[in-house]
C-alpha atoms as a PDB file:
ATOM      1  CA  MET A   1     287.225 -42.120 220.331  1.00  0.00           C
ATOM      2  CA  SER A   2     290.552 -43.371 219.005  1.00  0.00           C
ATOM      3  CA  ILE A   3     293.315 -41.455 217.267  1.00  0.00           C
ATOM      4  CA  VAL A   4     292.175 -43.127 214.013  1.00  0.00           C
ATOM      5  CA  SER A   5     288.786 -41.465 214.349  1.00  0.00           C
ATOM      6  CA  GLN A   6     290.356 -38.065 215.025  1.00  0.00           C
ATOM      7  CA  ILE A   7     293.124 -37.446 212.476  1.00  0.00           C
ATOM      8  CA  ILE A   8     294.841 -39.083 209.478  1.00  0.00           C
ATOM      9  CA  TYR A   9     298.368 -38.613 208.189  1.00  0.00           C
ATOM     10  CA  GLY A  10     298.327 -37.622 204.499  1.00  0.00           C
ATOM     11  CA  THR A  11     301.197 -38.612 202.219  1.00  0.00           C
ATOM     12  CA  ALA A  12     300.579 -36.555 199.082  1.00  0.00           C
ATOM     13  CA  TRP A  13     303.584 -34.716 197.589  1.00  0.00           C
ATOM     14  CA  LYS A  14     306.098 -36.274 199.982  1.00  0.00           C
ATOM     15  CA  LYS A  15     308.113 -37.875 197.151  1.00  0.00           C
ATOM     16  CA  GLU A  16     311.340 -39.543 198.318  1.00  0.00           C
ATOM     17  CA  GLN A  17     310.704 -38.394 201.897  1.00  0.00           C
ATOM     18  CA  THR A  18     307.546 -40.493 202.156  1.00  0.00           C
ATOM     19  CA  ALA A  19     308.915 -43.512 204.015  1.00  0.00           C
ATOM     20  CA  GLY A  20     310.773 -41.512 206.644  1.00  0.00           C
ATOM     21  CA  LEU A  21     307.836 -39.189 207.244  1.00  0.00           C
ATOM     22  CA  VAL A  22     305.354 -42.043 207.591  1.00  0.00           C
ATOM     23  CA  VAL A  23     307.613 -43.828 210.066  1.00  0.00           C
ATOM     24  CA  ASN A  24     308.001 -40.633 212.083  1.00  0.00           C
ATOM     25  CA  ALA A  25     304.266 -39.887 211.984  1.00  0.00           C
ATOM     26  CA  ILE A  26     303.430 -43.342 213.324  1.00  0.00           C
ATOM     27  CA  LEU A  27     306.113 -43.171 216.002  1.00  0.00           C
ATOM     28  CA  GLN A  28     304.708 -39.815 217.098  1.00  0.00           C
ATOM     29  CA  GLY A  29     301.268 -41.405 217.486  1.00  0.00           C
ATOM     30  CA  PHE A  30     299.371 -41.304 214.192  1.00  0.00           C
ATOM     31  CA  ARG A  31     297.542 -44.558 213.500  1.00  0.00           C
ATOM     32  CA  ALA A  32     295.868 -43.785 210.163  1.00  0.00           C
ATOM     33  CA  ILE A  33     297.646 -43.264 206.840  1.00  0.00           C
ATOM     34  CA  ASP A  34     296.187 -41.953 203.567  1.00  0.00           C
ATOM     35  CA  THR A  35     297.852 -42.543 200.209  1.00  0.00           C
ATOM     36  CA  ALA A  36     296.901 -43.256 196.569  1.00  0.00           C
ATOM     37  CA  CYS A  37     297.974 -45.432 193.659  1.00  0.00           C
ATOM     38  CA  GLN A  38     298.867 -42.271 191.758  1.00  0.00           C
ATOM     39  CA  PRO A  39     302.610 -41.853 191.081  1.00  0.00           C
ATOM     40  CA  LYS A  40     301.911 -38.275 189.980  1.00  0.00           C
ATOM     41  CA  HIS A  41     301.434 -37.145 193.585  1.00  0.00           C
ATOM     42  CA  TYR A  42     302.115 -40.145 195.857  1.00  0.00           C
ATOM     43  CA  ARG A  43     304.781 -42.750 196.557  1.00  0.00           C
ATOM     44  CA  GLU A  44     302.523 -45.567 197.681  1.00  0.00           C
ATOM     45  CA  ASP A  45     305.456 -47.991 197.448  1.00  0.00           C
ATOM     46  CA  LEU A  46     307.367 -45.974 200.037  1.00  0.00           C
ATOM     47  CA  VAL A  47     304.378 -46.086 202.376  1.00  0.00           C
ATOM     48  CA  GLY A  48     304.698 -49.865 202.094  1.00  0.00           C
ATOM     49  CA  GLU A  49     308.410 -49.606 202.863  1.00  0.00           C
ATOM     50  CA  ALA A  50     307.552 -47.595 205.967  1.00  0.00           C
ATOM     51  CA  LEU A  51     304.999 -50.181 207.104  1.00  0.00           C
ATOM     52  CA  THR A  52     307.625 -52.906 206.856  1.00  0.00           C
ATOM     53  CA  GLU A  53     310.119 -50.861 208.858  1.00  0.00           C
ATOM     54  CA  LEU A  54     307.510 -50.115 211.505  1.00  0.00           C
ATOM     55  CA  ALA A  55     306.707 -53.808 211.865  1.00  0.00           C
ATOM     56  CA  GLU A  56     310.289 -55.088 211.843  1.00  0.00           C
ATOM     57  CA  LYS A  57     312.090 -52.387 213.811  1.00  0.00           C
ATOM     58  CA  HIS A  58     309.369 -50.900 215.995  1.00  0.00           C
ATOM     59  CA  HIS A  59     306.964 -53.826 216.434  1.00  0.00           C
ATOM     60  CA  ILE A  60     303.964 -51.834 215.232  1.00  0.00           C
ATOM     61  CA  LYS A  61     301.803 -54.410 213.507  1.00  0.00           C
ATOM     62  CA  ARG A  62     299.778 -53.855 210.352  1.00  0.00           C
ATOM     63  CA  GLU A  63     296.519 -54.548 212.188  1.00  0.00           C
ATOM     64  CA  GLN A  64     297.232 -51.656 214.556  1.00  0.00           C
ATOM     65  CA  LEU A  65     297.030 -49.210 211.651  1.00  0.00           C
ATOM     66  CA  PHE A  66     294.295 -47.842 209.392  1.00  0.00           C
ATOM     67  CA  ILE A  67     295.577 -47.838 205.817  1.00  0.00           C
ATOM     68  CA  GLN A  68     293.622 -46.061 203.100  1.00  0.00           C
ATOM     69  CA  THR A  69     294.465 -45.740 199.431  1.00  0.00           C
ATOM     70  CA  LYS A  70     292.715 -44.773 196.222  1.00  0.00           C
ATOM     71  CA  TYR A  71     292.040 -45.830 192.662  1.00  0.00           C
ATOM     72  CA  THR A  72     292.814 -42.816 190.468  1.00  0.00           C
ATOM     73  CA  PRO A  73     291.125 -42.582 187.035  1.00  0.00           C
ATOM     74  CA  ILE A  74     293.347 -41.902 184.051  1.00  0.00           C
ATOM     75  CA  SER A  75     292.319 -38.220 184.090  1.00  0.00           C
ATOM     76  CA  GLY A  76     294.251 -37.877 187.352  1.00  0.00           C
ATOM     77  CA  GLN A  77     297.327 -39.850 186.310  1.00  0.00           C
ATOM     78  CA  ASP A  78     300.580 -38.677 184.761  1.00  0.00           C
ATOM     79  CA  THR A  79     300.925 -40.905 181.705  1.00  0.00           C
ATOM     80  CA  SER A  80     304.692 -40.290 181.607  1.00  0.00           C
ATOM     81  CA  LYS A  81     304.973 -42.351 184.802  1.00  0.00           C
ATOM     82  CA  PRO A  82     304.287 -46.096 185.183  1.00  0.00           C
ATOM     83  CA  LEU A  83     300.527 -46.639 185.413  1.00  0.00           C
ATOM     84  CA  PRO A  84     299.003 -49.098 187.882  1.00  0.00           C
ATOM     85  CA  TYR A  85     296.617 -50.440 185.213  1.00  0.00           C
ATOM     86  CA  ASN A  86     296.041 -50.538 181.481  1.00  0.00           C
ATOM     87  CA  PRO A  87     293.894 -47.476 180.661  1.00  0.00           C
ATOM     88  CA  LYS A  88     292.465 -49.334 177.656  1.00  0.00           C
ATOM     89  CA  ASP A  89     290.910 -51.948 179.948  1.00  0.00           C
ATOM     90  CA  PRO A  90     287.298 -51.682 181.138  1.00  0.00           C
ATOM     91  CA  ILE A  91     286.888 -49.663 184.335  1.00  0.00           C
ATOM     92  CA  GLU A  92     286.242 -52.786 186.377  1.00  0.00           C
ATOM     93  CA  LYS A  93     289.518 -54.356 185.290  1.00  0.00           C
ATOM     94  CA  GLN A  94     291.420 -51.103 185.818  1.00  0.00           C
ATOM     95  CA  ILE A  95     290.253 -51.017 189.413  1.00  0.00           C
ATOM     96  CA  ALA A  96     291.077 -54.677 190.012  1.00  0.00           C
ATOM     97  CA  SER A  97     294.587 -54.113 188.617  1.00  0.00           C
ATOM     98  CA  SER A  98     295.090 -50.906 190.601  1.00  0.00           C
ATOM     99  CA  LEU A  99     293.963 -52.648 193.785  1.00  0.00           C
ATOM    100  CA  GLN A 100     296.459 -55.457 193.276  1.00  0.00           C
ATOM    101  CA  THR A 101     299.189 -52.882 192.659  1.00  0.00           C
ATOM    102  CA  SER A 102     298.231 -51.126 195.897  1.00  0.00           C
ATOM    103  CA  LEU A 103     298.251 -54.342 197.923  1.00  0.00           C
ATOM    104  CA  SER A 104     301.682 -55.154 196.505  1.00  0.00           C
ATOM    105  CA  ASN A 105     303.017 -51.628 197.085  1.00  0.00           C
ATOM    106  CA  LEU A 106     301.705 -51.551 200.644  1.00  0.00           C
ATOM    107  CA  ARG A 107     302.829 -55.106 201.370  1.00  0.00           C
ATOM    108  CA  THR A 108     299.483 -56.065 202.834  1.00  0.00           C
ATOM    109  CA  THR A 109     296.660 -58.491 202.128  1.00  0.00           C
ATOM    110  CA  TYR A 110     293.860 -56.016 202.821  1.00  0.00           C
ATOM    111  CA  LEU A 111     293.017 -52.332 202.981  1.00  0.00           C
ATOM    112  CA  ASP A 112     291.057 -50.674 205.739  1.00  0.00           C
ATOM    113  CA  SER A 113     289.618 -48.197 203.248  1.00  0.00           C
ATOM    114  CA  TYR A 114     289.656 -48.060 199.452  1.00  0.00           C
ATOM    115  CA  ILE A 115     288.235 -45.021 197.746  1.00  0.00           C
ATOM    116  CA  LEU A 116     287.568 -43.687 194.275  1.00  0.00           C
ATOM    117  CA  HIS A 117     289.878 -40.678 193.883  1.00  0.00           C
ATOM    118  CA  SER A 118     287.300 -38.764 191.851  1.00  0.00           C
ATOM    119  CA  PRO A 119     284.084 -39.394 189.949  1.00  0.00           C
ATOM    120  CA  PHE A 120     284.222 -40.090 186.216  1.00  0.00           C
ATOM    121  CA  SER A 121     282.748 -37.735 183.651  1.00  0.00           C
ATOM    122  CA  THR A 122     279.447 -39.646 183.576  1.00  0.00           C
ATOM    123  CA  ILE A 123     277.348 -41.199 186.312  1.00  0.00           C
ATOM    124  CA  ASP A 124     277.276 -44.515 184.438  1.00  0.00           C
ATOM    125  CA  GLN A 125     281.068 -44.752 184.515  1.00  0.00           C
ATOM    126  CA  THR A 126     281.145 -43.698 188.146  1.00  0.00           C
ATOM    127  CA  LEU A 127     278.605 -46.402 189.032  1.00  0.00           C
ATOM    128  CA  LYS A 128     280.706 -49.005 187.204  1.00  0.00           C
ATOM    129  CA  ALA A 129     283.672 -47.956 189.286  1.00  0.00           C
ATOM    130  CA  TRP A 130     281.600 -48.053 192.463  1.00  0.00           C
ATOM    131  CA  ARG A 131     280.401 -51.577 191.728  1.00  0.00           C
ATOM    132  CA  ALA A 132     284.015 -52.624 191.242  1.00  0.00           C
ATOM    133  CA  LEU A 133     284.813 -51.255 194.689  1.00  0.00           C
ATOM    134  CA  MET A 134     281.818 -53.165 196.019  1.00  0.00           C
ATOM    135  CA  ALA A 135     283.217 -56.348 194.463  1.00  0.00           C
ATOM    136  CA  SER A 136     286.590 -55.794 196.149  1.00  0.00           C
ATOM    137  CA  GLN A 137     284.764 -55.417 199.448  1.00  0.00           C
ATOM    138  CA  ASP A 138     282.795 -58.624 198.839  1.00  0.00           C
ATOM    139  CA  GLU A 139     286.089 -60.414 198.184  1.00  0.00           C
ATOM    140  CA  GLY A 140     287.402 -59.308 201.577  1.00  0.00           C
ATOM    141  CA  LYS A 141     290.268 -57.288 200.119  1.00  0.00           C
ATOM    142  CA  VAL A 142     288.954 -53.999 201.494  1.00  0.00           C
ATOM    143  CA  ARG A 143     286.932 -53.228 204.598  1.00  0.00           C
ATOM    144  CA  MET A 144     285.488 -49.814 203.808  1.00  0.00           C
ATOM    145  CA  ILE A 145     284.742 -48.182 200.469  1.00  0.00           C
ATOM    146  CA  GLY A 146     284.232 -44.549 199.618  1.00  0.00           C
ATOM    147  CA  VAL A 147     284.869 -41.620 197.327  1.00  0.00           C
ATOM    148  CA  SER A 148     286.980 -38.479 197.181  1.00  0.00           C
ATOM    149  CA  ASN A 149     286.537 -35.151 195.417  1.00  0.00           C
ATOM    150  CA  THR A 150     282.797 -35.780 195.172  1.00  0.00           C
ATOM    151  CA  TYR A 151     280.947 -32.524 195.752  1.00  0.00           C
ATOM    152  CA  ASP A 152     277.619 -33.320 194.111  1.00  0.00           C
ATOM    153  CA  VAL A 153     275.110 -34.809 196.542  1.00  0.00           C
ATOM    154  CA  GLN A 154     273.161 -36.439 193.711  1.00  0.00           C
ATOM    155  CA  THR A 155     276.244 -38.423 192.693  1.00  0.00           C
ATOM    156  CA  LEU A 156     276.832 -39.419 196.293  1.00  0.00           C
ATOM    157  CA  ALA A 157     273.202 -40.446 196.713  1.00  0.00           C
ATOM    158  CA  ALA A 158     273.328 -42.569 193.549  1.00  0.00           C
ATOM    159  CA  LEU A 159     276.339 -44.471 194.873  1.00  0.00           C
ATOM    160  CA  HIS A 160     274.820 -44.750 198.329  1.00  0.00           C
ATOM    161  CA  LYS A 161     271.709 -46.332 196.812  1.00  0.00           C
ATOM    162  CA  GLU A 162     273.866 -49.154 195.397  1.00  0.00           C
ATOM    163  CA  ARG A 163     275.704 -49.687 198.686  1.00  0.00           C
ATOM    164  CA  LYS A 164     276.427 -47.541 201.688  1.00  0.00           C
ATOM    165  CA  VAL A 165     279.185 -45.031 201.089  1.00  0.00           C
ATOM    166  CA  GLN A 166     281.371 -45.385 204.162  1.00  0.00           C
ATOM    167  CA  VAL A 167     283.999 -42.703 203.501  1.00  0.00           C
ATOM    168  CA  VAL A 168     283.982 -39.310 201.789  1.00  0.00           C
ATOM    169  CA  GLN A 169     287.246 -37.379 201.515  1.00  0.00           C
ATOM    170  CA  ASN A 170     286.737 -33.828 200.269  1.00  0.00           C
ATOM    171  CA  ARG A 171     288.119 -30.340 200.580  1.00  0.00           C
ATOM    172  CA  TRP A 172     286.502 -28.696 203.600  1.00  0.00           C
ATOM    173  CA  TYR A 173     287.450 -25.073 203.247  1.00  0.00           C
ATOM    174  CA  GLU A 174     286.112 -21.619 202.549  1.00  0.00           C
ATOM    175  CA  GLY A 175     286.640 -21.985 198.791  1.00  0.00           C
ATOM    176  CA  ASN A 176     283.722 -24.417 198.480  1.00  0.00           C
ATOM    177  CA  GLU A 177     281.628 -22.910 201.283  1.00  0.00           C
ATOM    178  CA  TRP A 178     282.700 -25.694 203.643  1.00  0.00           C
ATOM    179  CA  ASP A 179     281.151 -28.405 201.453  1.00  0.00           C
ATOM    180  CA  ARG A 180     277.984 -28.041 203.490  1.00  0.00           C
ATOM    181  CA  ALA A 181     275.597 -30.124 201.369  1.00  0.00           C
ATOM    182  CA  VAL A 182     277.908 -33.136 201.227  1.00  0.00           C
ATOM    183  CA  LEU A 183     278.898 -32.831 204.885  1.00  0.00           C
ATOM    184  CA  ASN A 184     275.234 -32.743 205.897  1.00  0.00           C
ATOM    185  CA  PHE A 185     274.534 -35.812 203.737  1.00  0.00           C
ATOM    186  CA  CYS A 186     277.375 -37.620 205.466  1.00  0.00           C
ATOM    187  CA  LYS A 187     276.091 -36.692 208.915  1.00  0.00           C
ATOM    188  CA  GLU A 188     272.580 -37.859 208.004  1.00  0.00           C
ATOM    189  CA  HIS A 189     273.810 -41.222 206.719  1.00  0.00           C
ATOM    190  CA  GLY A 190     276.600 -42.003 209.157  1.00  0.00           C
ATOM    191  CA  ILE A 191     279.408 -41.577 206.610  1.00  0.00           C
ATOM    192  CA  MET A 192     282.978 -40.861 207.729  1.00  0.00           C
ATOM    193  CA  TYR A 193     283.817 -37.408 206.360  1.00  0.00           C
ATOM    194  CA  GLN A 194     287.533 -36.722 205.926  1.00  0.00           C
ATOM    195  CA  SER A 195     288.845 -33.286 205.027  1.00  0.00           C
ATOM    196  CA  PHE A 196     291.940 -32.011 203.259  1.00  0.00           C
ATOM    197  CA  TRP A 197     293.096 -28.424 202.757  1.00  0.00           C
ATOM    198  CA  THR A 198     291.618 -27.941 206.215  1.00  0.00           C
ATOM    199  CA  ILE A 199     294.215 -25.378 207.262  1.00  0.00           C
ATOM    200  CA  SER A 200     295.898 -24.143 204.099  1.00  0.00           C
ATOM    201  CA  GLY A 201     292.605 -23.567 202.295  1.00  0.00           C
ATOM    202  CA  SER A 202     291.046 -21.352 204.946  1.00  0.00           C
ATOM    203  CA  PRO A 203     293.135 -18.265 205.696  1.00  0.00           C
ATOM    204  CA  SER A 204     290.041 -16.270 206.652  1.00  0.00           C
ATOM    205  CA  LEU A 205     289.104 -18.806 209.327  1.00  0.00           C
ATOM    206  CA  LEU A 206     292.672 -18.879 210.639  1.00  0.00           C
ATOM    207  CA  ALA A 207     292.588 -15.119 211.018  1.00  0.00           C
ATOM    208  CA  HIS A 208     289.035 -14.852 212.356  1.00  0.00           C
ATOM    209  CA  PRO A 209     289.049 -12.800 215.585  1.00  0.00           C
ATOM    210  CA  ALA A 210     286.872 -15.334 217.408  1.00  0.00           C
ATOM    211  CA  LEU A 211     289.193 -18.166 216.419  1.00  0.00           C
ATOM    212  CA  THR A 212     292.354 -16.343 217.465  1.00  0.00           C
ATOM    213  CA  SER A 213     290.684 -15.526 220.796  1.00  0.00           C
ATOM    214  CA  ILE A 214     289.738 -19.187 221.340  1.00  0.00           C
ATOM    215  CA  ALA A 215     293.259 -20.272 220.398  1.00  0.00           C
ATOM    216  CA  GLN A 216     294.859 -17.910 222.915  1.00  0.00           C
ATOM    217  CA  ALA A 217     292.480 -18.925 225.701  1.00  0.00           C
ATOM    218  CA  SER A 218     293.090 -22.620 224.967  1.00  0.00           C
ATOM    219  CA  ASN A 219     296.879 -22.303 224.648  1.00  0.00           C
ATOM    220  CA  LEU A 220     296.648 -23.628 221.089  1.00  0.00           C
ATOM    221  CA  THR A 221     297.928 -22.337 217.777  1.00  0.00           C
ATOM    222  CA  PRO A 222     295.334 -21.052 215.286  1.00  0.00           C
ATOM    223  CA  ALA A 223     296.083 -24.100 213.100  1.00  0.00           C
ATOM    224  CA  GLN A 224     295.428 -26.467 215.991  1.00  0.00           C
ATOM    225  CA  THR A 225     292.199 -24.638 216.717  1.00  0.00           C
ATOM    226  CA  VAL A 226     290.988 -25.012 213.127  1.00  0.00           C
ATOM    227  CA  LEU A 227     291.647 -28.755 213.279  1.00  0.00           C
ATOM    228  CA  LYS A 228     289.882 -29.018 216.628  1.00  0.00           C
ATOM    229  CA  ILE A 229     286.825 -27.154 215.351  1.00  0.00           C
ATOM    230  CA  ALA A 230     286.728 -29.451 212.327  1.00  0.00           C
ATOM    231  CA  GLN A 231     286.777 -32.430 214.678  1.00  0.00           C
ATOM    232  CA  MET A 232     283.971 -30.863 216.709  1.00  0.00           C
ATOM    233  CA  GLU A 233     281.995 -30.633 213.471  1.00  0.00           C
ATOM    234  CA  GLY A 234     282.306 -34.394 213.078  1.00  0.00           C
ATOM    235  CA  ILE A 235     285.133 -34.177 210.515  1.00  0.00           C
ATOM    236  CA  ILE A 236     288.338 -36.228 210.457  1.00  0.00           C
ATOM    237  CA  PRO A 237     291.054 -33.926 209.075  1.00  0.00           C
ATOM    238  CA  LEU A 238     294.135 -35.047 207.206  1.00  0.00           C
ATOM    239  CA  SER A 239     297.452 -33.666 208.362  1.00  0.00           C
ATOM    240  CA  GLY A 240     300.236 -33.675 205.819  1.00  0.00           C
ATOM    241  CA  THR A 241     302.805 -31.854 207.906  1.00  0.00           C
ATOM    242  CA  THR A 242     306.488 -32.675 207.509  1.00  0.00           C
ATOM    243  CA  SER A 243     307.288 -31.019 210.847  1.00  0.00           C
ATOM    244  CA  GLU A 244     307.716 -33.243 213.897  1.00  0.00           C
ATOM    245  CA  LEU A 245     306.591 -30.346 216.090  1.00  0.00           C
ATOM    246  CA  HIS A 246     303.381 -29.933 214.107  1.00  0.00           C
ATOM    247  CA  MET A 247     302.797 -33.705 214.190  1.00  0.00           C
ATOM    248  CA  LYS A 248     302.949 -33.541 217.981  1.00  0.00           C
ATOM    249  CA  GLU A 249     300.687 -30.488 218.062  1.00  0.00           C
ATOM    250  CA  ASP A 250     298.117 -32.204 215.837  1.00  0.00           C
ATOM    251  CA  LEU A 251     298.127 -35.330 217.983  1.00  0.00           C
ATOM    252  CA  ASN A 252     297.915 -33.341 221.210  1.00  0.00           C
ATOM    253  CA  LEU A 253     294.410 -32.324 220.153  1.00  0.00           C
ATOM    254  CA  TYR A 254     293.229 -35.836 221.055  1.00  0.00           C
ATOM    255  CA  GLY A 255     291.169 -35.413 224.204  1.00  0.00           C
ATOM    256  CA  THR A 256     291.805 -31.644 224.332  1.00  0.00           C
ATOM    257  CA  GLU A 257     288.949 -29.369 225.293  1.00  0.00           C
ATOM    258  CA  ILE A 258     289.018 -25.827 223.979  1.00  0.00           C
ATOM    259  CA  ALA A 259     288.225 -22.814 226.083  1.00  0.00           C
ATOM    260  CA  ASP A 260     285.612 -20.652 224.446  1.00  0.00           C
ATOM    261  CA  SER A 261     282.692 -18.428 225.151  1.00  0.00           C
ATOM    262  CA  ALA A 262     279.341 -19.210 223.597  1.00  0.00           C
ATOM    263  CA  GLU A 263     279.573 -15.937 221.690  1.00  0.00           C
ATOM    264  CA  GLU A 264     282.938 -16.801 220.136  1.00  0.00           C
ATOM    265  CA  MET A 265     281.944 -20.333 219.197  1.00  0.00           C
ATOM    266  CA  ASN A 266     278.660 -19.145 217.746  1.00  0.00           C
ATOM    267  CA  ALA A 267     280.593 -16.651 215.632  1.00  0.00           C
ATOM    268  CA  ILE A 268     282.826 -19.459 214.287  1.00  0.00           C
ATOM    269  CA  LYS A 269     279.870 -21.730 213.619  1.00  0.00           C
ATOM    270  CA  ALA A 270     278.045 -18.916 211.848  1.00  0.00           C
ATOM    271  CA  PHE A 271     281.130 -18.285 209.724  1.00  0.00           C
ATOM    272  CA  ILE A 272     281.545 -21.902 208.571  1.00  0.00           C
ATOM    273  CA  ARG A 273     277.821 -22.523 208.132  1.00  0.00           C
ATOM    274  CA  SER A 274     276.819 -19.275 206.493  1.00  0.00           C
ATOM    275  CA  GLY A 275     275.601 -19.456 202.956  1.00  0.00           C
END
C-alpha cells in the first residue's frame, strides 16, 4: 500500500500558515492533501500556492499527489467572506462554480477526489448535489467523488444507488460510537473511509490501558498507536499536525508492525466496536 492509502494531510484551520505547512508535509513524505472551498476554515488558495512551490522548487509534480477538496453548502459558509458561488443559484450551478473556483485556487486541471462537505437538509437536495458531482466526474474534472459528515446509512445508500460513493470522510471517534454503521457500509461496498478527529476526539482510547501497553511494547506514542489501529481497521486517518516531529511520527507508521498480545488487541477491538 502507498502512503496515499495510509494517511492524508489535513489543512483545516491553518490560515496563513497553510502554504508553508503543506510544503513541509509533502517534503516530509505526505502525498495526499485534504482541503475545502470554504474560506471559513480553509485557505484552499494557499494549498495551490504550496503545490506551485513544490513543483517549481522541489520538482514534486502534481500527478505525484492526491488532492482532495470539497463543495461546502451555504450552511457551512461564512457569508462575511467571499463565497465561491452565488447562493441564489440552483445547487447544480453552485457546485459547478465552486469546482471551478477550486481548480483555479489549486492551480490544477483536475481533482483526485471531490466531495460534498455535508448533506443538505433534504434527501432531494442532497441527490441534486450528488448528481452534480457525478456530472463533474463524467466531464473528467474529478476522478473520485464522495461525501463528508454523512452519518446516516440510508442517505449514503441513496447516493450509492445513483453512483458508487468512492470516498466517505467522517469523524471516527468515541463521541459517535466509532461511526460503526457507516464504516461497515463502506467496508461492504469498497468505499475509502477517511477519518478526522481520530486522535483529539478519543481521549478514552488514548488512555486505554491496553493501548498504552501496546504503544510501549511497539516503541510508539499513544497517538501513533491510535492512528495505526485506525489503519488496521481499514481507515485512512487525516493528520492535521503543525509539528514536523509529529509529521515524521505519523509517516513512520507506514510499514510499521505493532507489538501486541491477542488479549490486548482484543480489548481494543472490543472497546471500539462495543455498542
